[in-house]
C-alpha atoms as a PDB file:
ATOM      1  CA  MET A   1     -10.824  -1.597 -12.005  1.00  0.00           C
ATOM      2  CA  PHE A   2      -8.978  -3.448  -9.277  1.00  0.00           C
ATOM      3  CA  TYR A   3      -5.209  -3.078  -8.636  1.00  0.00           C
ATOM      4  CA  VAL A   4      -2.706  -5.057  -6.478  1.00  0.00           C
ATOM      5  CA  VAL A   5      -0.149  -2.876  -4.823  1.00  0.00           C
ATOM      6  CA  SER A   6       2.961  -4.473  -3.534  1.00  0.00           C
ATOM      7  CA  ALA A   7       5.660  -2.476  -1.600  1.00  0.00           C
ATOM      8  CA  THR A   8       8.880  -3.479   0.059  1.00  0.00           C
ATOM      9  CA  HIS A   9      10.615  -1.201   2.631  1.00  0.00           C
ATOM     10  CA  LYS A  10      14.359  -0.456   2.754  1.00  0.00           C
ATOM     11  CA  ALA A  11      15.804  -2.344   5.630  1.00  0.00           C
ATOM     12  CA  GLU A  12      17.709   0.693   6.855  1.00  0.00           C
ATOM     13  CA  MET A  13      14.501   2.779   7.015  1.00  0.00           C
ATOM     14  CA  ALA A  14      12.862   0.531   9.753  1.00  0.00           C
ATOM     15  CA  GLN A  15      12.754   3.242  12.370  1.00  0.00           C
ATOM     16  CA  GLU A  16      11.328   5.819   9.765  1.00  0.00           C
ATOM     17  CA  ARG A  17       8.694   3.269   8.909  1.00  0.00           C
ATOM     18  CA  LEU A  18       7.821   2.652  12.377  1.00  0.00           C
ATOM     19  CA  ARG A  19       7.557   6.238  13.041  1.00  0.00           C
ATOM     20  CA  LEU A  20       5.201   6.836  10.031  1.00  0.00           C
ATOM     21  CA  GLN A  21       3.041   3.687  10.675  1.00  0.00           C
ATOM     22  CA  GLU A  22       0.206   5.576  12.264  1.00  0.00           C
ATOM     23  CA  ALA A  23       0.187   8.243   9.528  1.00  0.00           C
ATOM     24  CA  PHE A  24       0.115   5.514   6.890  1.00  0.00           C
ATOM     25  CA  ALA A  25      -2.834   3.853   8.522  1.00  0.00           C
ATOM     26  CA  ALA A  26      -4.678   7.200   8.779  1.00  0.00           C
ATOM     27  CA  TYR A  27      -3.907   7.825   5.052  1.00  0.00           C
ATOM     28  CA  LEU A  28      -5.496   4.401   4.136  1.00  0.00           C
ATOM     29  CA  HIS A  29      -8.553   4.999   6.270  1.00  0.00           C
ATOM     30  CA  ASP A  30      -9.380   8.525   5.425  1.00  0.00           C
ATOM     31  CA  PRO A  31     -10.962   8.800   1.940  1.00  0.00           C
ATOM     32  CA  THR A  32     -10.495  12.555   1.784  1.00  0.00           C
ATOM     33  CA  HIS A  33      -6.910  11.725   0.858  1.00  0.00           C
ATOM     34  CA  HIS A  34      -8.001   9.544  -1.961  1.00  0.00           C
ATOM     35  CA  PRO A  35     -11.639  10.165  -2.957  1.00  0.00           C
ATOM     36  CA  ASP A  36     -11.293   8.019  -6.165  1.00  0.00           C
ATOM     37  CA  VAL A  37      -9.631   5.096  -4.445  1.00  0.00           C
ATOM     38  CA  THR A  38     -11.338   2.253  -2.418  1.00  0.00           C
ATOM     39  CA  ILE A  39      -9.223  -0.131  -0.398  1.00  0.00           C
ATOM     40  CA  HIS A  40     -10.678  -3.558  -0.194  1.00  0.00           C
ATOM     41  CA  HIS A  41      -7.962  -5.606   1.431  1.00  0.00           C
ATOM     42  CA  GLY A  42      -4.407  -5.202   2.794  1.00  0.00           C
ATOM     43  CA  GLY A  43      -1.936  -6.378   5.119  1.00  0.00           C
ATOM     44  CA  GLN A  44       1.772  -6.336   6.032  1.00  0.00           C
ATOM     45  CA  THR A  45       4.374  -8.609   4.504  1.00  0.00           C
ATOM     46  CA  LEU A  46       6.778 -10.233   7.083  1.00  0.00           C
ATOM     47  CA  SER A  47      10.143 -11.843   6.886  1.00  0.00           C
ATOM     48  CA  GLU A  48      10.179 -15.582   7.462  1.00  0.00           C
ATOM     49  CA  SER A  49      13.037 -15.358  10.026  1.00  0.00           C
ATOM     50  CA  ASP A  50      11.672 -13.113  12.676  1.00  0.00           C
ATOM     51  CA  ARG A  51       8.345 -12.005  11.429  1.00  0.00           C
ATOM     52  CA  SER A  52       9.444  -8.296  11.112  1.00  0.00           C
ATOM     53  CA  VAL A  53       7.561  -6.179   8.744  1.00  0.00           C
ATOM     54  CA  THR A  54       9.140  -5.958   5.226  1.00  0.00           C
ATOM     55  CA  GLY A  55       6.394  -4.262   3.282  1.00  0.00           C
ATOM     56  CA  PHE A  56       2.716  -4.528   2.451  1.00  0.00           C
ATOM     57  CA  VAL A  57       0.094  -5.658  -0.074  1.00  0.00           C
ATOM     58  CA  LEU A  58      -3.114  -3.829  -0.845  1.00  0.00           C
ATOM     59  CA  VAL A  59      -6.104  -4.574  -3.157  1.00  0.00           C
ATOM     60  CA  LEU A  60      -7.657  -1.400  -4.322  1.00  0.00           C
ATOM     61  CA  GLU A  61     -10.216  -0.160  -6.813  1.00  0.00           C
ATOM     62  CA  ALA A  62      -9.543   2.981  -8.885  1.00  0.00           C
ATOM     63  CA  PRO A  63     -10.579   4.397 -12.161  1.00  0.00           C
ATOM     64  CA  SER A  64      -7.124   4.065 -13.825  1.00  0.00           C
ATOM     65  CA  ILE A  65      -3.549   2.848 -13.076  1.00  0.00           C
ATOM     66  CA  GLU A  66      -2.508   6.508 -12.862  1.00  0.00           C
ATOM     67  CA  VAL A  67      -4.800   7.149 -10.045  1.00  0.00           C
ATOM     68  CA  ALA A  68      -3.756   3.923  -8.275  1.00  0.00           C
ATOM     69  CA  THR A  69      -0.098   4.882  -8.745  1.00  0.00           C
ATOM     70  CA  ALA A  70      -0.716   8.397  -7.549  1.00  0.00           C
ATOM     71  CA  PHE A  71      -2.364   7.092  -4.333  1.00  0.00           C
ATOM     72  CA  VAL A  72       0.762   4.987  -3.595  1.00  0.00           C
ATOM     73  CA  ALA A  73       3.131   7.942  -4.369  1.00  0.00           C
ATOM     74  CA  GLY A  74       1.048  10.278  -2.153  1.00  0.00           C
ATOM     75  CA  SER A  75       1.459   8.027   0.884  1.00  0.00           C
ATOM     76  CA  PRO A  76       3.470   8.982   3.926  1.00  0.00           C
ATOM     77  CA  TYR A  77       5.809   6.012   3.307  1.00  0.00           C
ATOM     78  CA  ALA A  78       6.492   6.839  -0.360  1.00  0.00           C
ATOM     79  CA  GLU A  79       6.910  10.656   0.489  1.00  0.00           C
ATOM     80  CA  ALA A  80       9.630   9.673   3.146  1.00  0.00           C
ATOM     81  CA  GLY A  81      11.346   7.490   0.785  1.00  0.00           C
ATOM     82  CA  THR A  82      10.943   4.196   2.740  1.00  0.00           C
ATOM     83  CA  PHE A  83      10.225   2.049  -0.305  1.00  0.00           C
ATOM     84  CA  ALA A  84      12.868  -0.129  -1.718  1.00  0.00           C
ATOM     85  CA  GLU A  85      10.350  -0.880  -4.336  1.00  0.00           C
ATOM     86  CA  SER A  86       6.634  -0.638  -4.996  1.00  0.00           C
ATOM     87  CA  ASP A  87       4.518  -1.902  -7.885  1.00  0.00           C
ATOM     88  CA  VAL A  88       0.935  -1.375  -8.983  1.00  0.00           C
ATOM     89  CA  HIS A  89      -0.580  -3.972 -11.265  1.00  0.00           C
ATOM     90  CA  PRO A  90      -4.143  -4.337 -12.746  1.00  0.00           C
ATOM     91  CA  TRP A  91      -5.747  -7.358 -11.067  1.00  0.00           C
ATOM     92  CA  ASN A  92      -8.560  -9.703 -12.260  1.00  0.00           C
ATOM     93  CA  TRP A  93     -10.150 -10.493  -8.919  1.00  0.00           C
ATOM     94  CA  LEU A  94     -11.681 -13.952  -9.331  1.00  0.00           C
ATOM     95  CA  THR A  95     -12.479 -15.498  -5.784  1.00  0.00           C
ATOM     96  CA  GLY A  96     -13.791 -13.709  -2.746  1.00  0.00           C
ATOM     97  CA  ARG A  97     -14.544 -10.545  -4.673  1.00  0.00           C
ATOM     98  CA  PRO A  98     -17.006  -8.103  -2.996  1.00  0.00           C
ATOM     99  CA  GLY A  99     -20.437  -7.535  -4.502  1.00  0.00           C
END
């Protein structure tokens, strides 16, 4: 099943987010960290005023919402407490779907 992950970072954690950015990218790109999760699409969300990073959105495939939620919770950002909020929702991918 597909899931959409939306996360917003705490503004006061900007330096910590920057410090962890490379580790987070490695986490996303190394499937040994998440063998049951496939990331199909993703990117950073930006503020309108100065285009600074405010969070991210991912589209992923996982066997259950529990696996998808555990994937988010195991990320370097989540473990460091940079999220103001994060949500995982089942998603019915209608357009641009792979395969």
